[in-house]
PDB file of N, CA and C in Angstrom:
ATOM      1  N   MET A   1     -16.067  15.818 -35.721  1.00  0.00           N
ATOM      2  CA  MET A   1     -16.799  15.133 -34.676  1.00  0.00           C
ATOM      3  C   MET A   1     -15.790  14.643 -33.639  1.00  0.00           C
ATOM      4  N   ASP A   2     -16.085  14.910 -32.400  1.00  0.00           N
ATOM      5  CA  ASP A   2     -15.148  14.596 -31.331  1.00  0.00           C
ATOM      6  C   ASP A   2     -15.537  13.299 -30.618  1.00  0.00           C
ATOM      7  N   PHE A   3     -14.610  12.362 -30.599  1.00  0.00           N
ATOM      8  CA  PHE A   3     -14.807  11.106 -29.893  1.00  0.00           C
ATOM      9  C   PHE A   3     -13.708  10.951 -28.853  1.00  0.00           C
ATOM     10  N   PRO A   4     -14.087  10.833 -27.588  1.00  0.00           N
ATOM     11  CA  PRO A   4     -13.066  10.539 -26.570  1.00  0.00           C
ATOM     12  C   PRO A   4     -12.398   9.196 -26.875  1.00  0.00           C
ATOM     13  N   ASN A   5     -11.231   8.982 -26.299  1.00  0.00           N
ATOM     14  CA  ASN A   5     -10.471   7.755 -26.577  1.00  0.00           C
ATOM     15  C   ASN A   5     -11.278   6.490 -26.330  1.00  0.00           C
ATOM     16  N   ARG A   6     -12.032   6.460 -25.252  1.00  0.00           N
ATOM     17  CA  ARG A   6     -12.796   5.250 -24.925  1.00  0.00           C
ATOM     18  C   ARG A   6     -13.818   4.956 -26.015  1.00  0.00           C
ATOM     19  N   GLU A   7     -14.508   5.984 -26.510  1.00  0.00           N
ATOM     20  CA  GLU A   7     -15.475   5.785 -27.592  1.00  0.00           C
ATOM     21  C   GLU A   7     -14.773   5.325 -28.861  1.00  0.00           C
ATOM     22  N   LYS A   8     -13.587   5.853 -29.132  1.00  0.00           N
ATOM     23  CA  LYS A   8     -12.827   5.411 -30.306  1.00  0.00           C
ATOM     24  C   LYS A   8     -12.478   3.935 -30.192  1.00  0.00           C
ATOM     25  N   ASN A   9     -12.093   3.514 -28.989  1.00  0.00           N
ATOM     26  CA  ASN A   9     -11.767   2.103 -28.776  1.00  0.00           C
ATOM     27  C   ASN A   9     -12.988   1.225 -28.996  1.00  0.00           C
ATOM     28  N   VAL A  10     -14.125   1.636 -28.457  1.00  0.00           N
ATOM     29  CA  VAL A  10     -15.360   0.868 -28.632  1.00  0.00           C
ATOM     30  C   VAL A  10     -15.720   0.803 -30.115  1.00  0.00           C
ATOM     31  N   LEU A  11     -15.622   1.925 -30.806  1.00  0.00           N
ATOM     32  CA  LEU A  11     -15.946   1.963 -32.234  1.00  0.00           C
ATOM     33  C   LEU A  11     -15.015   1.062 -33.034  1.00  0.00           C
ATOM     34  N   LYS A  12     -13.759   1.019 -32.667  1.00  0.00           N
ATOM     35  CA  LYS A  12     -12.803   0.133 -33.338  1.00  0.00           C
ATOM     36  C   LYS A  12     -13.247  -1.322 -33.204  1.00  0.00           C
ATOM     37  N   TYR A  13     -13.642  -1.709 -32.006  1.00  0.00           N
ATOM     38  CA  TYR A  13     -14.087  -3.088 -31.791  1.00  0.00           C
ATOM     39  C   TYR A  13     -15.417  -3.366 -32.493  1.00  0.00           C
ATOM     40  N   ILE A  14     -16.304  -2.383 -32.540  1.00  0.00           N
ATOM     41  CA  ILE A  14     -17.551  -2.554 -33.306  1.00  0.00           C
ATOM     42  C   ILE A  14     -17.202  -2.847 -34.759  1.00  0.00           C
ATOM     43  N   SER A  15     -16.276  -2.059 -35.310  1.00  0.00           N
ATOM     44  CA  SER A  15     -15.873  -2.213 -36.705  1.00  0.00           C
ATOM     45  C   SER A  15     -15.244  -3.572 -36.976  1.00  0.00           C
ATOM     46  N   GLU A  16     -14.637  -4.148 -35.949  1.00  0.00           N
ATOM     47  CA  GLU A  16     -14.000  -5.457 -36.104  1.00  0.00           C
ATOM     48  C   GLU A  16     -14.979  -6.606 -35.861  1.00  0.00           C
ATOM     49  N   GLY A  17     -16.238  -6.270 -35.542  1.00  0.00           N
ATOM     50  CA  GLY A  17     -17.267  -7.294 -35.419  1.00  0.00           C
ATOM     51  C   GLY A  17     -17.436  -7.905 -34.039  1.00  0.00           C
ATOM     52  N   PHE A  18     -16.865  -7.285 -33.017  1.00  0.00           N
ATOM     53  CA  PHE A  18     -16.989  -7.814 -31.659  1.00  0.00           C
ATOM     54  C   PHE A  18     -18.363  -7.508 -31.082  1.00  0.00           C
ATOM     55  N   SER A  19     -18.853  -8.404 -30.229  1.00  0.00           N
ATOM     56  CA  SER A  19     -20.126  -8.193 -29.547  1.00  0.00           C
ATOM     57  C   SER A  19     -19.912  -7.220 -28.386  1.00  0.00           C
ATOM     58  N   ASN A  20     -21.009  -6.719 -27.831  1.00  0.00           N
ATOM     59  CA  ASN A  20     -20.898  -5.824 -26.684  1.00  0.00           C
ATOM     60  C   ASN A  20     -20.163  -6.495 -25.531  1.00  0.00           C
ATOM     61  N   GLN A  21     -20.470  -7.764 -25.271  1.00  0.00           N
ATOM     62  CA  GLN A  21     -19.805  -8.468 -24.170  1.00  0.00           C
ATOM     63  C   GLN A  21     -18.312  -8.618 -24.434  1.00  0.00           C
ATOM     64  N   GLU A  22     -17.950  -8.931 -25.666  1.00  0.00           N
ATOM     65  CA  GLU A  22     -16.528  -9.055 -26.008  1.00  0.00           C
ATOM     66  C   GLU A  22     -15.803  -7.729 -25.852  1.00  0.00           C
ATOM     67  N   ILE A  23     -16.457  -6.640 -26.248  1.00  0.00           N
ATOM     68  CA  ILE A  23     -15.867  -5.310 -26.082  1.00  0.00           C
ATOM     69  C   ILE A  23     -15.692  -5.009 -24.600  1.00  0.00           C
ATOM     70  N   ALA A  24     -16.713  -5.278 -23.818  1.00  0.00           N
ATOM     71  CA  ALA A  24     -16.653  -5.043 -22.374  1.00  0.00           C
ATOM     72  C   ALA A  24     -15.488  -5.810 -21.756  1.00  0.00           C
ATOM     73  N   ASP A  25     -15.338  -7.057 -22.130  1.00  0.00           N
ATOM     74  CA  ASP A  25     -14.258  -7.881 -21.584  1.00  0.00           C
ATOM     75  C   ASP A  25     -12.884  -7.327 -21.952  1.00  0.00           C
ATOM     76  N   ARG A  26     -12.724  -6.886 -23.180  1.00  0.00           N
ATOM     77  CA  ARG A  26     -11.427  -6.385 -23.638  1.00  0.00           C
ATOM     78  C   ARG A  26     -11.061  -5.036 -23.011  1.00  0.00           C
ATOM     79  N   LEU A  27     -12.073  -4.211 -22.770  1.00  0.00           N
ATOM     80  CA  LEU A  27     -11.812  -2.869 -22.235  1.00  0.00           C
ATOM     81  C   LEU A  27     -12.050  -2.780 -20.729  1.00  0.00           C
ATOM     82  N   PHE A  28     -12.328  -3.910 -20.104  1.00  0.00           N
ATOM     83  CA  PHE A  28     -12.564  -3.965 -18.658  1.00  0.00           C
ATOM     84  C   PHE A  28     -13.696  -3.024 -18.241  1.00  0.00           C
ATOM     85  N   LEU A  29     -14.812  -3.130 -18.978  1.00  0.00           N
ATOM     86  CA  LEU A  29     -16.014  -2.348 -18.705  1.00  0.00           C
ATOM     87  C   LEU A  29     -17.154  -3.299 -18.354  1.00  0.00           C
ATOM     88  N   THR A  30     -18.192  -2.753 -17.747  1.00  0.00           N
ATOM     89  CA  THR A  30     -19.393  -3.563 -17.559  1.00  0.00           C
ATOM     90  C   THR A  30     -20.141  -3.596 -18.883  1.00  0.00           C
ATOM     91  N   LEU A  31     -21.019  -4.577 -19.031  1.00  0.00           N
ATOM     92  CA  LEU A  31     -21.826  -4.670 -20.237  1.00  0.00           C
ATOM     93  C   LEU A  31     -22.703  -3.429 -20.386  1.00  0.00           C
ATOM     94  N   GLY A  32     -23.277  -2.956 -19.290  1.00  0.00           N
ATOM     95  CA  GLY A  32     -24.128  -1.766 -19.331  1.00  0.00           C
ATOM     96  C   GLY A  32     -23.382  -0.529 -19.798  1.00  0.00           C
ATOM     97  N   THR A  33     -22.154  -0.356 -19.328  1.00  0.00           N
ATOM     98  CA  THR A  33     -21.340   0.789 -19.748  1.00  0.00           C
ATOM     99  C   THR A  33     -21.029   0.686 -21.232  1.00  0.00           C
ATOM    100  N   THR A  34     -20.710  -0.508 -21.681  1.00  0.00           N
ATOM    101  CA  THR A  34     -20.416  -0.720 -23.101  1.00  0.00           C
ATOM    102  C   THR A  34     -21.630  -0.383 -23.958  1.00  0.00           C
ATOM    103  N   LYS A  35     -22.806  -0.839 -23.530  1.00  0.00           N
ATOM    104  CA  LYS A  35     -24.028  -0.533 -24.282  1.00  0.00           C
ATOM    105  C   LYS A  35     -24.269   0.965 -24.351  1.00  0.00           C
ATOM    106  N   LYS A  36     -23.981   1.674 -23.276  1.00  0.00           N
ATOM    107  CA  LYS A  36     -24.144   3.133 -23.257  1.00  0.00           C
ATOM    108  C   LYS A  36     -23.188   3.790 -24.255  1.00  0.00           C
ATOM    109  N   TYR A  37     -21.942   3.324 -24.292  1.00  0.00           N
ATOM    110  CA  TYR A  37     -20.988   3.850 -25.272  1.00  0.00           C
ATOM    111  C   TYR A  37     -21.481   3.589 -26.701  1.00  0.00           C
ATOM    112  N   VAL A  38     -21.965   2.389 -26.949  1.00  0.00           N
ATOM    113  CA  VAL A  38     -22.453   2.045 -28.294  1.00  0.00           C
ATOM    114  C   VAL A  38     -23.619   2.959 -28.671  1.00  0.00           C
ATOM    115  N   HIS A  39     -24.543   3.154 -27.747  1.00  0.00           N
ATOM    116  CA  HIS A  39     -25.688   4.030 -27.994  1.00  0.00           C
ATOM    117  C   HIS A  39     -25.223   5.458 -28.307  1.00  0.00           C
ATOM    118  N   THR A  40     -24.293   5.971 -27.528  1.00  0.00           N
ATOM    119  CA  THR A  40     -23.772   7.327 -27.733  1.00  0.00           C
ATOM    120  C   THR A  40     -23.079   7.444 -29.087  1.00  0.00           C
ATOM    121  N   ILE A  41     -22.312   6.438 -29.455  1.00  0.00           N
ATOM    122  CA  ILE A  41     -21.617   6.429 -30.748  1.00  0.00           C
ATOM    123  C   ILE A  41     -22.635   6.445 -31.885  1.00  0.00           C
ATOM    124  N   PHE A  42     -23.676   5.619 -31.774  1.00  0.00           N
ATOM    125  CA  PHE A  42     -24.712   5.591 -32.812  1.00  0.00           C
ATOM    126  C   PHE A  42     -25.353   6.972 -32.960  1.00  0.00           C
ATOM    127  N   GLN A  43     -25.626   7.630 -31.853  1.00  0.00           N
ATOM    128  CA  GLN A  43     -26.226   8.972 -31.906  1.00  0.00           C
ATOM    129  C   GLN A  43     -25.293   9.964 -32.581  1.00  0.00           C
ATOM    130  N   LYS A  44     -24.032   9.942 -32.203  1.00  0.00           N
ATOM    131  CA  LYS A  44     -23.068  10.884 -32.777  1.00  0.00           C
ATOM    132  C   LYS A  44     -22.899  10.675 -34.279  1.00  0.00           C
ATOM    133  N   LEU A  45     -22.896   9.406 -34.702  1.00  0.00           N
ATOM    134  CA  LEU A  45     -22.723   9.097 -36.122  1.00  0.00           C
ATOM    135  C   LEU A  45     -24.035   9.156 -36.903  1.00  0.00           C
ATOM    136  N   LYS A  46     -25.149   9.275 -36.173  1.00  0.00           N
ATOM    137  CA  LYS A  46     -26.487   9.278 -36.776  1.00  0.00           C
ATOM    138  C   LYS A  46     -26.732   8.004 -37.586  1.00  0.00           C
ATOM    139  N   VAL A  47     -26.478   6.876 -36.917  1.00  0.00           N
ATOM    140  CA  VAL A  47     -26.698   5.562 -37.523  1.00  0.00           C
ATOM    141  C   VAL A  47     -27.594   4.733 -36.608  1.00  0.00           C
ATOM    142  N   LYS A  48     -28.083   3.620 -37.146  1.00  0.00           N
ATOM    143  CA  LYS A  48     -29.016   2.786 -36.387  1.00  0.00           C
ATOM    144  C   LYS A  48     -28.484   1.405 -36.052  1.00  0.00           C
ATOM    145  N   ASN A  49     -27.343   1.024 -36.639  1.00  0.00           N
ATOM    146  CA  ASN A  49     -26.820  -0.304 -36.344  1.00  0.00           C
ATOM    147  C   ASN A  49     -25.303  -0.332 -36.477  1.00  0.00           C
ATOM    148  N   ARG A  50     -24.736  -1.477 -36.111  1.00  0.00           N
ATOM    149  CA  ARG A  50     -23.282  -1.634 -36.072  1.00  0.00           C
ATOM    150  C   ARG A  50     -22.655  -1.568 -37.467  1.00  0.00           C
ATOM    151  N   VAL A  51     -23.335  -2.117 -38.454  1.00  0.00           N
ATOM    152  CA  VAL A  51     -22.800  -2.105 -39.818  1.00  0.00           C
ATOM    153  C   VAL A  51     -22.697  -0.659 -40.320  1.00  0.00           C
ATOM    154  N   GLN A  52     -23.757   0.112 -40.094  1.00  0.00           N
ATOM    155  CA  GLN A  52     -23.737   1.516 -40.502  1.00  0.00           C
ATOM    156  C   GLN A  52     -22.654   2.276 -39.750  1.00  0.00           C
ATOM    157  N   ALA A  53     -22.496   1.990 -38.461  1.00  0.00           N
ATOM    158  CA  ALA A  53     -21.478   2.672 -37.652  1.00  0.00           C
ATOM    159  C   ALA A  53     -20.081   2.372 -38.186  1.00  0.00           C
ATOM    160  N   ALA A  54     -19.822   1.126 -38.493  1.00  0.00           N
ATOM    161  CA  ALA A  54     -18.506   0.741 -39.007  1.00  0.00           C
ATOM    162  C   ALA A  54     -18.242   1.412 -40.357  1.00  0.00           C
ATOM    163  N   LYS A  55     -19.244   1.422 -41.207  1.00  0.00           N
ATOM    164  CA  LYS A  55     -19.099   2.038 -42.531  1.00  0.00           C
ATOM    165  C   LYS A  55     -18.822   3.539 -42.404  1.00  0.00           C
ATOM    166  N   LYS A  56     -19.598   4.211 -41.565  1.00  0.00           N
ATOM    167  CA  LYS A  56     -19.423   5.653 -41.409  1.00  0.00           C
ATOM    168  C   LYS A  56     -18.072   5.977 -40.770  1.00  0.00           C
ATOM    169  N   ALA A  57     -17.638   5.171 -39.836  1.00  0.00           N
ATOM    170  CA  ALA A  57     -16.338   5.375 -39.194  1.00  0.00           C
ATOM    171  C   ALA A  57     -15.213   5.271 -40.228  1.00  0.00           C
ATOM    172  N   ARG A  58     -15.323   4.304 -41.130  1.00  0.00           N
ATOM    173  CA  ARG A  58     -14.314   4.177 -42.188  1.00  0.00           C
ATOM    174  C   ARG A  58     -14.341   5.388 -43.113  1.00  0.00           C
ATOM    175  N   GLN A  59     -15.544   5.837 -43.467  1.00  0.00           N
ATOM    176  CA  GLN A  59     -15.670   7.003 -44.350  1.00  0.00           C
ATOM    177  C   GLN A  59     -15.066   8.249 -43.712  1.00  0.00           C
ATOM    178  N   MET A  60     -15.241   8.371 -42.391  1.00  0.00           N
ATOM    179  CA  MET A  60     -14.740   9.536 -41.675  1.00  0.00           C
ATOM    180  C   MET A  60     -13.287   9.360 -41.212  1.00  0.00           C
ATOM    181  N   GLU A  61     -12.717   8.196 -41.545  1.00  0.00           N
ATOM    182  CA  GLU A  61     -11.336   7.864 -41.181  1.00  0.00           C
ATOM    183  C   GLU A  61     -11.101   7.977 -39.683  1.00  0.00           C
ATOM    184  N   LEU A  62     -12.038   7.411 -38.917  1.00  0.00           N
ATOM    185  CA  LEU A  62     -11.898   7.422 -37.445  1.00  0.00           C
ATOM    186  C   LEU A  62     -11.091   6.229 -36.981  1.00  0.00           C
TER     187      LEU A  62
END
């Protein structure tokens, strides 16, 4: 599964428990852009929430 660097960064912060706003602030993104990245990541991982995304990312060693 291919994740561009920006999506990997967002996924890393999701796994660390950061909110969308906190991720946006750290990566200098708008909240809307961050939400779009989160949505895209969920689709790629076929998950429905942040906990599932973090778990699957660890399993896939992302």
